[in-house]
Amino acid sequence: MDQNTKKRVGIFSLTCDEGCSIFLTEIFNKKLLPWLEKMELVYFLSIKDKAEIKDLDVALVEGVVTSERDKEDIENIRANAKILIAMGTCAMTALPSGQRNNFNISQLKEIEGHLEKYNFLPKALALKDAVKVDDEIIGCPIDKNKFIEIFEKYL
């Protein structure tokens, strides 16, 4: 397949434990070589150097939008991707990474300094609460079979 007809794919992590990306490397052990015939992996910090986020066909994003920086990053990814897929429970629901949304006043008071220091948003957001999401892959970490099914649909 010609390099110009391959899908340009980026894989991104916002605030989270990066469990989906780690698990994704396990899926790649079996699937990456055949997928590379159909795609160019242009961004995935877990396995390659940083690259410019531009002209992506598919963006897979794990994690929660917790800060102004996350918000800027997800807006940039969305603006540069034809398809954006929320990868994992955090990206879909903001939990468990965004559990501060469920804190009481006393608990929020305890972490107030951290929220200000790191420029956190008042509330942690699932991806769909920050940008348009085209598809979702369940799990914490992602469900292997669901990932393959959904990802291959866009390849």
N, C-alpha and C. Protein backbone atom coordinates (compact mmCIF):
# COMPACT_ATOMS: atom_id res chain seq x y z
N MET A 1 0.85 -1.19 0.00
CA MET A 1 0.00 0.00 0.00
C MET A 1 0.88 1.24 0.00
N ASP A 2 0.55 2.18 -0.82
CA ASP A 2 1.26 3.44 -0.96
C ASP A 2 1.18 4.23 0.35
N GLN A 3 2.29 4.87 0.73
CA GLN A 3 2.35 5.67 1.96
C GLN A 3 1.26 6.74 1.99
N ASN A 4 0.91 7.28 0.83
CA ASN A 4 -0.11 8.34 0.77
C ASN A 4 -1.52 7.82 0.99
N THR A 5 -1.74 6.51 0.85
CA THR A 5 -3.09 5.97 1.05
C THR A 5 -3.24 5.33 2.43
N LYS A 6 -2.15 5.25 3.18
CA LYS A 6 -2.22 4.70 4.53
C LYS A 6 -2.92 5.70 5.45
N LYS A 7 -3.66 5.17 6.42
CA LYS A 7 -4.31 6.02 7.43
C LYS A 7 -3.24 6.55 8.38
N ARG A 8 -3.32 7.84 8.66
CA ARG A 8 -2.41 8.46 9.62
C ARG A 8 -3.05 8.37 11.00
N VAL A 9 -2.38 7.68 11.93
CA VAL A 9 -2.93 7.38 13.25
C VAL A 9 -2.07 7.99 14.34
N GLY A 10 -2.74 8.58 15.33
CA GLY A 10 -2.06 9.08 16.51
C GLY A 10 -2.71 8.51 17.76
N ILE A 11 -1.90 8.20 18.76
CA ILE A 11 -2.39 7.66 20.02
C ILE A 11 -1.91 8.60 21.12
N PHE A 12 -2.87 9.07 21.94
CA PHE A 12 -2.58 10.13 22.90
C PHE A 12 -3.05 9.77 24.30
N SER A 13 -2.35 10.29 25.30
CA SER A 13 -2.72 10.11 26.70
C SER A 13 -2.88 11.47 27.36
N LEU A 14 -4.04 11.66 27.99
CA LEU A 14 -4.25 12.84 28.82
C LEU A 14 -4.01 12.39 30.27
N THR A 15 -4.64 13.00 31.25
CA THR A 15 -4.43 12.64 32.64
C THR A 15 -5.01 11.25 32.93
N CYS A 16 -4.13 10.30 33.24
CA CYS A 16 -4.55 8.93 33.55
C CYS A 16 -3.32 8.12 33.94
N ASP A 17 -3.53 6.83 34.16
CA ASP A 17 -2.40 5.96 34.51
C ASP A 17 -1.74 5.34 33.28
N GLU A 18 -2.23 5.67 32.10
CA GLU A 18 -1.74 5.19 30.81
C GLU A 18 -1.85 3.67 30.66
N GLY A 19 -2.77 3.07 31.41
CA GLY A 19 -2.99 1.63 31.34
C GLY A 19 -3.47 1.17 29.97
N CYS A 20 -4.29 1.98 29.30
CA CYS A 20 -4.77 1.60 27.97
C CYS A 20 -3.61 1.58 26.97
N SER A 21 -2.72 2.56 27.04
CA SER A 21 -1.56 2.58 26.14
C SER A 21 -0.64 1.40 26.41
N ILE A 22 -0.44 1.09 27.67
CA ILE A 22 0.41 -0.05 28.02
C ILE A 22 -0.21 -1.33 27.47
N PHE A 23 -1.52 -1.50 27.68
CA PHE A 23 -2.22 -2.68 27.17
C PHE A 23 -2.20 -2.70 25.65
N LEU A 24 -2.28 -1.54 25.03
CA LEU A 24 -2.26 -1.45 23.58
C LEU A 24 -0.95 -1.99 23.01
N THR A 25 0.16 -1.79 23.73
CA THR A 25 1.43 -2.36 23.25
C THR A 25 1.36 -3.88 23.22
N GLU A 26 0.60 -4.48 24.13
CA GLU A 26 0.39 -5.93 24.11
C GLU A 26 -0.41 -6.35 22.87
N ILE A 27 -1.44 -5.59 22.54
CA ILE A 27 -2.23 -5.87 21.33
C ILE A 27 -1.33 -5.73 20.10
N PHE A 28 -0.47 -4.70 20.11
CA PHE A 28 0.44 -4.47 18.99
C PHE A 28 1.40 -5.64 18.78
N ASN A 29 1.75 -6.37 19.83
CA ASN A 29 2.64 -7.52 19.68
C ASN A 29 2.13 -8.48 18.62
N LYS A 30 0.82 -8.62 18.53
CA LYS A 30 0.24 -9.55 17.55
C LYS A 30 -0.30 -8.86 16.30
N LYS A 31 -0.73 -7.61 16.41
CA LYS A 31 -1.47 -6.96 15.33
C LYS A 31 -0.72 -5.85 14.59
N LEU A 32 0.35 -5.32 15.17
CA LEU A 32 0.97 -4.13 14.60
C LEU A 32 1.48 -4.34 13.17
N LEU A 33 2.19 -5.43 12.92
CA LEU A 33 2.77 -5.61 11.58
C LEU A 33 1.70 -5.61 10.49
N PRO A 34 0.60 -6.39 10.63
CA PRO A 34 -0.43 -6.31 9.58
C PRO A 34 -1.07 -4.91 9.51
N TRP A 35 -1.23 -4.26 10.66
CA TRP A 35 -1.83 -2.92 10.66
C TRP A 35 -0.93 -1.91 9.97
N LEU A 36 0.39 -2.07 10.09
CA LEU A 36 1.31 -1.12 9.48
C LEU A 36 1.22 -1.14 7.95
N GLU A 37 0.63 -2.17 7.39
CA GLU A 37 0.39 -2.19 5.94
C GLU A 37 -0.70 -1.20 5.56
N LYS A 38 -1.57 -0.86 6.54
CA LYS A 38 -2.70 0.03 6.28
C LYS A 38 -2.57 1.39 6.95
N MET A 39 -1.60 1.53 7.86
CA MET A 39 -1.52 2.78 8.62
C MET A 39 -0.09 3.23 8.80
N GLU A 40 0.03 4.52 9.07
CA GLU A 40 1.29 5.11 9.48
C GLU A 40 1.07 5.61 10.91
N LEU A 41 1.82 5.08 11.85
CA LEU A 41 1.69 5.49 13.24
C LEU A 41 2.53 6.75 13.43
N VAL A 42 1.87 7.90 13.41
CA VAL A 42 2.61 9.17 13.42
C VAL A 42 2.82 9.74 14.82
N TYR A 43 2.02 9.27 15.81
CA TYR A 43 2.18 9.81 17.16
C TYR A 43 1.78 8.75 18.17
N PHE A 44 2.73 8.34 19.02
CA PHE A 44 2.46 7.42 20.13
C PHE A 44 3.69 7.48 21.03
N LEU A 45 3.66 8.34 22.03
CA LEU A 45 4.84 8.58 22.86
C LEU A 45 5.34 7.32 23.56
N SER A 46 4.46 6.31 23.75
CA SER A 46 4.90 5.09 24.43
C SER A 46 5.92 4.32 23.62
N ILE A 47 5.91 4.47 22.28
CA ILE A 47 6.85 3.69 21.48
C ILE A 47 7.63 4.50 20.44
N LYS A 48 7.35 5.79 20.32
CA LYS A 48 8.13 6.57 19.35
C LYS A 48 8.24 8.02 19.79
N ASP A 49 9.20 8.71 19.21
CA ASP A 49 9.41 10.12 19.54
C ASP A 49 8.19 10.95 19.17
N LYS A 50 8.09 12.07 19.84
CA LYS A 50 7.01 13.01 19.59
C LYS A 50 7.04 13.49 18.14
N ALA A 51 5.86 13.67 17.59
CA ALA A 51 5.74 14.18 16.22
C ALA A 51 4.66 15.24 16.19
N GLU A 52 4.61 15.97 15.11
CA GLU A 52 3.61 17.02 14.96
C GLU A 52 2.22 16.40 14.84
N ILE A 53 1.25 16.98 15.53
CA ILE A 53 -0.13 16.51 15.46
C ILE A 53 -0.80 17.25 14.31
N LYS A 54 -0.91 16.57 13.15
CA LYS A 54 -1.41 17.23 11.96
C LYS A 54 -1.95 16.19 10.99
N ASP A 55 -3.09 16.48 10.38
CA ASP A 55 -3.66 15.64 9.32
C ASP A 55 -3.81 14.17 9.72
N LEU A 56 -4.37 13.93 10.89
CA LEU A 56 -4.60 12.54 11.33
C LEU A 56 -5.91 12.03 10.78
N ASP A 57 -5.91 10.78 10.37
CA ASP A 57 -7.17 10.13 10.00
C ASP A 57 -7.88 9.63 11.25
N VAL A 58 -7.10 9.05 12.17
CA VAL A 58 -7.66 8.48 13.39
C VAL A 58 -6.82 8.91 14.58
N ALA A 59 -7.47 9.42 15.63
CA ALA A 59 -6.81 9.72 16.90
C ALA A 59 -7.47 8.86 17.97
N LEU A 60 -6.65 8.09 18.67
CA LEU A 60 -7.10 7.31 19.82
C LEU A 60 -6.63 8.06 21.06
N VAL A 61 -7.56 8.37 21.97
CA VAL A 61 -7.18 9.18 23.12
C VAL A 61 -7.66 8.51 24.40
N GLU A 62 -6.72 8.31 25.33
CA GLU A 62 -7.07 7.81 26.65
C GLU A 62 -6.95 8.94 27.65
N GLY A 63 -7.62 8.80 28.80
CA GLY A 63 -7.46 9.75 29.87
C GLY A 63 -8.57 10.77 29.99
N VAL A 64 -8.38 11.68 30.93
CA VAL A 64 -9.38 12.64 31.35
C VAL A 64 -8.87 14.06 31.12
N VAL A 65 -9.77 14.95 30.76
CA VAL A 65 -9.44 16.36 30.59
C VAL A 65 -9.54 17.00 31.98
N THR A 66 -8.38 17.21 32.63
CA THR A 66 -8.39 17.73 34.00
C THR A 66 -7.87 19.15 34.12
N SER A 67 -7.08 19.58 33.13
CA SER A 67 -6.42 20.88 33.25
C SER A 67 -6.62 21.70 31.98
N GLU A 68 -6.23 22.96 32.06
CA GLU A 68 -6.27 23.82 30.88
C GLU A 68 -5.39 23.24 29.78
N ARG A 69 -4.24 22.66 30.16
CA ARG A 69 -3.35 22.07 29.16
C ARG A 69 -4.01 20.88 28.47
N ASP A 70 -4.67 19.99 29.26
CA ASP A 70 -5.40 18.86 28.66
C ASP A 70 -6.46 19.37 27.70
N LYS A 71 -7.15 20.44 28.09
CA LYS A 71 -8.23 20.99 27.26
C LYS A 71 -7.66 21.51 25.94
N GLU A 72 -6.55 22.22 26.00
CA GLU A 72 -5.90 22.71 24.78
C GLU A 72 -5.44 21.53 23.92
N ASP A 73 -4.86 20.51 24.57
CA ASP A 73 -4.36 19.34 23.83
C ASP A 73 -5.49 18.62 23.11
N ILE A 74 -6.61 18.37 23.80
CA ILE A 74 -7.70 17.61 23.17
C ILE A 74 -8.35 18.44 22.06
N GLU A 75 -8.43 19.73 22.25
CA GLU A 75 -8.98 20.59 21.18
C GLU A 75 -8.07 20.58 19.96
N ASN A 76 -6.76 20.56 20.17
CA ASN A 76 -5.79 20.49 19.07
C ASN A 76 -5.89 19.13 18.36
N ILE A 77 -5.97 18.07 19.13
CA ILE A 77 -6.11 16.73 18.54
C ILE A 77 -7.38 16.66 17.72
N ARG A 78 -8.49 17.13 18.30
CA ARG A 78 -9.78 17.09 17.59
C ARG A 78 -9.72 17.89 16.29
N ALA A 79 -9.10 19.06 16.33
CA ALA A 79 -9.00 19.91 15.14
C ALA A 79 -8.16 19.28 14.03
N ASN A 80 -7.31 18.33 14.40
CA ASN A 80 -6.39 17.73 13.44
C ASN A 80 -6.67 16.26 13.16
N ALA A 81 -7.85 15.77 13.55
CA ALA A 81 -8.19 14.36 13.33
C ALA A 81 -9.57 14.24 12.71
N LYS A 82 -9.66 13.39 11.68
CA LYS A 82 -10.96 13.13 11.07
C LYS A 82 -11.85 12.32 12.01
N ILE A 83 -11.26 11.33 12.68
CA ILE A 83 -11.98 10.46 13.62
C ILE A 83 -11.27 10.52 14.96
N LEU A 84 -12.03 10.75 16.03
CA LEU A 84 -11.47 10.74 17.38
C LEU A 84 -12.19 9.65 18.17
N ILE A 85 -11.41 8.73 18.73
CA ILE A 85 -11.95 7.61 19.49
C ILE A 85 -11.52 7.72 20.94
N ALA A 86 -12.51 7.73 21.85
CA ALA A 86 -12.23 7.71 23.29
C ALA A 86 -11.83 6.28 23.64
N MET A 87 -10.65 6.14 24.23
CA MET A 87 -10.09 4.83 24.51
C MET A 87 -10.07 4.58 26.01
N GLY A 88 -11.01 3.76 26.49
CA GLY A 88 -11.04 3.37 27.89
C GLY A 88 -12.05 4.13 28.73
N THR A 89 -12.29 3.58 29.91
CA THR A 89 -13.30 4.11 30.82
C THR A 89 -13.03 5.55 31.23
N CYS A 90 -11.77 5.90 31.50
CA CYS A 90 -11.45 7.29 31.89
C CYS A 90 -11.90 8.26 30.81
N ALA A 91 -11.53 7.96 29.57
CA ALA A 91 -11.87 8.85 28.46
C ALA A 91 -13.38 8.95 28.27
N MET A 92 -14.09 7.84 28.54
CA MET A 92 -15.54 7.80 28.33
C MET A 92 -16.33 8.43 29.47
N THR A 93 -15.85 8.29 30.71
CA THR A 93 -16.66 8.68 31.87
C THR A 93 -15.97 9.66 32.83
N ALA A 94 -14.69 9.90 32.63
CA ALA A 94 -13.85 10.71 33.54
C ALA A 94 -13.52 9.97 34.83
N LEU A 95 -13.93 8.73 34.96
CA LEU A 95 -13.62 7.94 36.16
C LEU A 95 -12.83 6.70 35.78
N PRO A 96 -11.89 6.25 36.58
CA PRO A 96 -11.62 6.70 37.94
C PRO A 96 -10.69 7.91 38.05
N SER A 97 -10.01 8.30 36.98
CA SER A 97 -9.02 9.38 37.09
C SER A 97 -9.63 10.70 37.57
N GLY A 98 -10.89 10.95 37.26
CA GLY A 98 -11.51 12.20 37.65
C GLY A 98 -12.36 12.09 38.91
N GLN A 99 -11.96 11.21 39.82
CA GLN A 99 -12.78 10.98 41.01
C GLN A 99 -12.95 12.21 41.90
N ARG A 100 -12.12 13.22 41.71
CA ARG A 100 -12.30 14.44 42.50
C ARG A 100 -13.65 15.09 42.23
N ASN A 101 -14.27 14.76 41.09
CA ASN A 101 -15.61 15.29 40.81
C ASN A 101 -16.61 14.87 41.88
N ASN A 102 -16.31 13.78 42.57
CA ASN A 102 -17.22 13.26 43.60
C ASN A 102 -16.79 13.64 45.02
N PHE A 103 -15.75 14.45 45.15
CA PHE A 103 -15.28 14.86 46.48
C PHE A 103 -16.28 15.81 47.14
N ASN A 104 -16.34 15.74 48.45
CA ASN A 104 -17.16 16.70 49.20
C ASN A 104 -16.36 17.98 49.40
N ILE A 105 -16.99 19.00 49.98
CA ILE A 105 -16.36 20.32 50.15
C ILE A 105 -15.06 20.22 50.93
N SER A 106 -15.05 19.43 51.98
CA SER A 106 -13.87 19.27 52.83
C SER A 106 -12.71 18.65 52.03
N GLN A 107 -13.00 17.63 51.25
CA GLN A 107 -11.97 16.98 50.44
C GLN A 107 -11.44 17.94 49.37
N LEU A 108 -12.32 18.69 48.75
CA LEU A 108 -11.89 19.66 47.74
C LEU A 108 -11.00 20.74 48.37
N LYS A 109 -11.32 21.14 49.58
CA LYS A 109 -10.52 22.15 50.29
C LYS A 109 -9.10 21.63 50.50
N GLU A 110 -8.98 20.31 50.80
CA GLU A 110 -7.67 19.71 51.03
C GLU A 110 -6.78 19.76 49.78
N ILE A 111 -7.37 19.66 48.61
CA ILE A 111 -6.57 19.61 47.38
C ILE A 111 -6.58 20.94 46.61
N GLU A 112 -7.19 21.95 47.19
CA GLU A 112 -7.34 23.25 46.55
C GLU A 112 -6.01 23.80 46.01
N GLY A 113 -4.96 23.70 46.79
CA GLY A 113 -3.65 24.21 46.37
C GLY A 113 -3.12 23.50 45.14
N HIS A 114 -3.33 22.19 45.08
CA HIS A 114 -2.88 21.41 43.91
C HIS A 114 -3.68 21.80 42.67
N LEU A 115 -4.98 22.00 42.85
CA LEU A 115 -5.83 22.38 41.72
C LEU A 115 -5.37 23.70 41.12
N GLU A 116 -5.03 24.65 41.98
CA GLU A 116 -4.56 25.95 41.51
C GLU A 116 -3.16 25.85 40.91
N LYS A 117 -2.25 25.14 41.59
CA LYS A 117 -0.87 25.02 41.16
C LYS A 117 -0.76 24.43 39.75
N TYR A 118 -1.58 23.43 39.46
CA TYR A 118 -1.49 22.74 38.16
C TYR A 118 -2.55 23.20 37.16
N ASN A 119 -3.21 24.32 37.49
CA ASN A 119 -4.18 24.92 36.58
C ASN A 119 -5.29 23.94 36.17
N PHE A 120 -5.79 23.20 37.17
CA PHE A 120 -6.86 22.25 36.92
C PHE A 120 -8.18 22.95 36.65
N LEU A 121 -8.97 22.33 35.83
CA LEU A 121 -10.33 22.82 35.57
C LEU A 121 -11.17 22.59 36.83
N PRO A 122 -12.29 23.30 36.98
CA PRO A 122 -13.14 23.10 38.16
C PRO A 122 -13.66 21.67 38.26
N LYS A 123 -13.80 21.00 37.11
CA LYS A 123 -14.32 19.64 37.09
C LYS A 123 -13.53 18.85 36.03
N ALA A 124 -13.20 17.59 36.34
CA ALA A 124 -12.56 16.71 35.36
C ALA A 124 -13.61 16.31 34.32
N LEU A 125 -13.22 16.29 33.04
CA LEU A 125 -14.17 16.04 31.96
C LEU A 125 -13.85 14.76 31.20
N ALA A 126 -14.90 14.01 30.86
CA ALA A 126 -14.76 12.94 29.88
C ALA A 126 -14.49 13.62 28.54
N LEU A 127 -13.89 12.92 27.59
CA LEU A 127 -13.58 13.54 26.31
C LEU A 127 -14.81 14.15 25.65
N LYS A 128 -15.94 13.42 25.68
CA LYS A 128 -17.16 13.89 25.00
C LYS A 128 -17.71 15.16 25.61
N ASP A 129 -17.26 15.51 26.83
CA ASP A 129 -17.69 16.76 27.45
C ASP A 129 -16.79 17.93 27.05
N ALA A 130 -15.72 17.63 26.31
CA ALA A 130 -14.80 18.68 25.87
C ALA A 130 -14.79 18.85 24.35
N VAL A 131 -14.94 17.74 23.61
CA VAL A 131 -14.90 17.77 22.15
C VAL A 131 -15.84 16.70 21.60
N LYS A 132 -16.05 16.75 20.29
CA LYS A 132 -16.86 15.71 19.63
C LYS A 132 -16.05 14.42 19.59
N VAL A 133 -16.68 13.31 20.02
CA VAL A 133 -16.06 11.99 19.99
C VAL A 133 -16.84 11.15 18.98
N ASP A 134 -16.12 10.46 18.11
CA ASP A 134 -16.76 9.67 17.06
C ASP A 134 -17.05 8.23 17.45
N ASP A 135 -16.28 7.70 18.40
CA ASP A 135 -16.48 6.31 18.82
C ASP A 135 -15.82 6.12 20.18
N GLU A 136 -16.14 4.98 20.83
CA GLU A 136 -15.61 4.70 22.16
C GLU A 136 -15.22 3.23 22.26
N ILE A 137 -14.17 2.98 23.04
CA ILE A 137 -13.72 1.61 23.32
C ILE A 137 -13.75 1.42 24.83
N ILE A 138 -14.61 0.50 25.27
CA ILE A 138 -14.82 0.28 26.70
C ILE A 138 -13.62 -0.40 27.35
N GLY A 139 -13.59 -0.30 28.68
CA GLY A 139 -12.65 -1.05 29.48
C GLY A 139 -11.65 -0.23 30.25
N CYS A 140 -11.12 -0.85 31.29
CA CYS A 140 -10.08 -0.25 32.11
C CYS A 140 -9.14 -1.37 32.55
N PRO A 141 -8.11 -1.69 31.75
CA PRO A 141 -7.79 -1.08 30.46
C PRO A 141 -8.76 -1.53 29.38
N ILE A 142 -8.54 -1.05 28.17
CA ILE A 142 -9.43 -1.34 27.05
C ILE A 142 -9.65 -2.84 26.86
N ASP A 143 -10.83 -3.17 26.37
CA ASP A 143 -11.16 -4.54 26.01
C ASP A 143 -10.47 -4.86 24.68
N LYS A 144 -9.65 -5.89 24.66
CA LYS A 144 -8.84 -6.24 23.48
C LYS A 144 -9.70 -6.44 22.24
N ASN A 145 -10.72 -7.27 22.34
CA ASN A 145 -11.55 -7.59 21.17
C ASN A 145 -12.32 -6.36 20.68
N LYS A 146 -12.81 -5.55 21.60
CA LYS A 146 -13.54 -4.33 21.23
C LYS A 146 -12.59 -3.35 20.57
N PHE A 147 -11.37 -3.24 21.09
CA PHE A 147 -10.39 -2.35 20.47
C PHE A 147 -10.15 -2.77 19.02
N ILE A 148 -9.85 -4.04 18.81
CA ILE A 148 -9.55 -4.54 17.46
C ILE A 148 -10.74 -4.29 16.54
N GLU A 149 -11.95 -4.60 17.00
CA GLU A 149 -13.16 -4.41 16.18
C GLU A 149 -13.32 -2.95 15.77
N ILE A 150 -13.23 -2.05 16.73
CA ILE A 150 -13.46 -0.63 16.44
C ILE A 150 -12.31 -0.03 15.63
N PHE A 151 -11.09 -0.34 16.00
CA PHE A 151 -9.93 0.23 15.30
C PHE A 151 -9.91 -0.22 13.83
N GLU A 152 -10.16 -1.49 13.61
CA GLU A 152 -10.12 -2.01 12.24
C GLU A 152 -11.24 -1.42 11.38
N LYS A 153 -12.33 -1.02 12.01
CA LYS A 153 -13.43 -0.37 11.27
C LYS A 153 -12.94 0.92 10.61
N TYR A 154 -12.00 1.61 11.24
CA TYR A 154 -11.51 2.89 10.72
C TYR A 154 -10.24 2.76 9.88
N LEU A 155 -9.62 1.58 9.90
CA LEU A 155 -8.45 1.37 9.05
C LEU A 155 -8.89 1.11 7.62
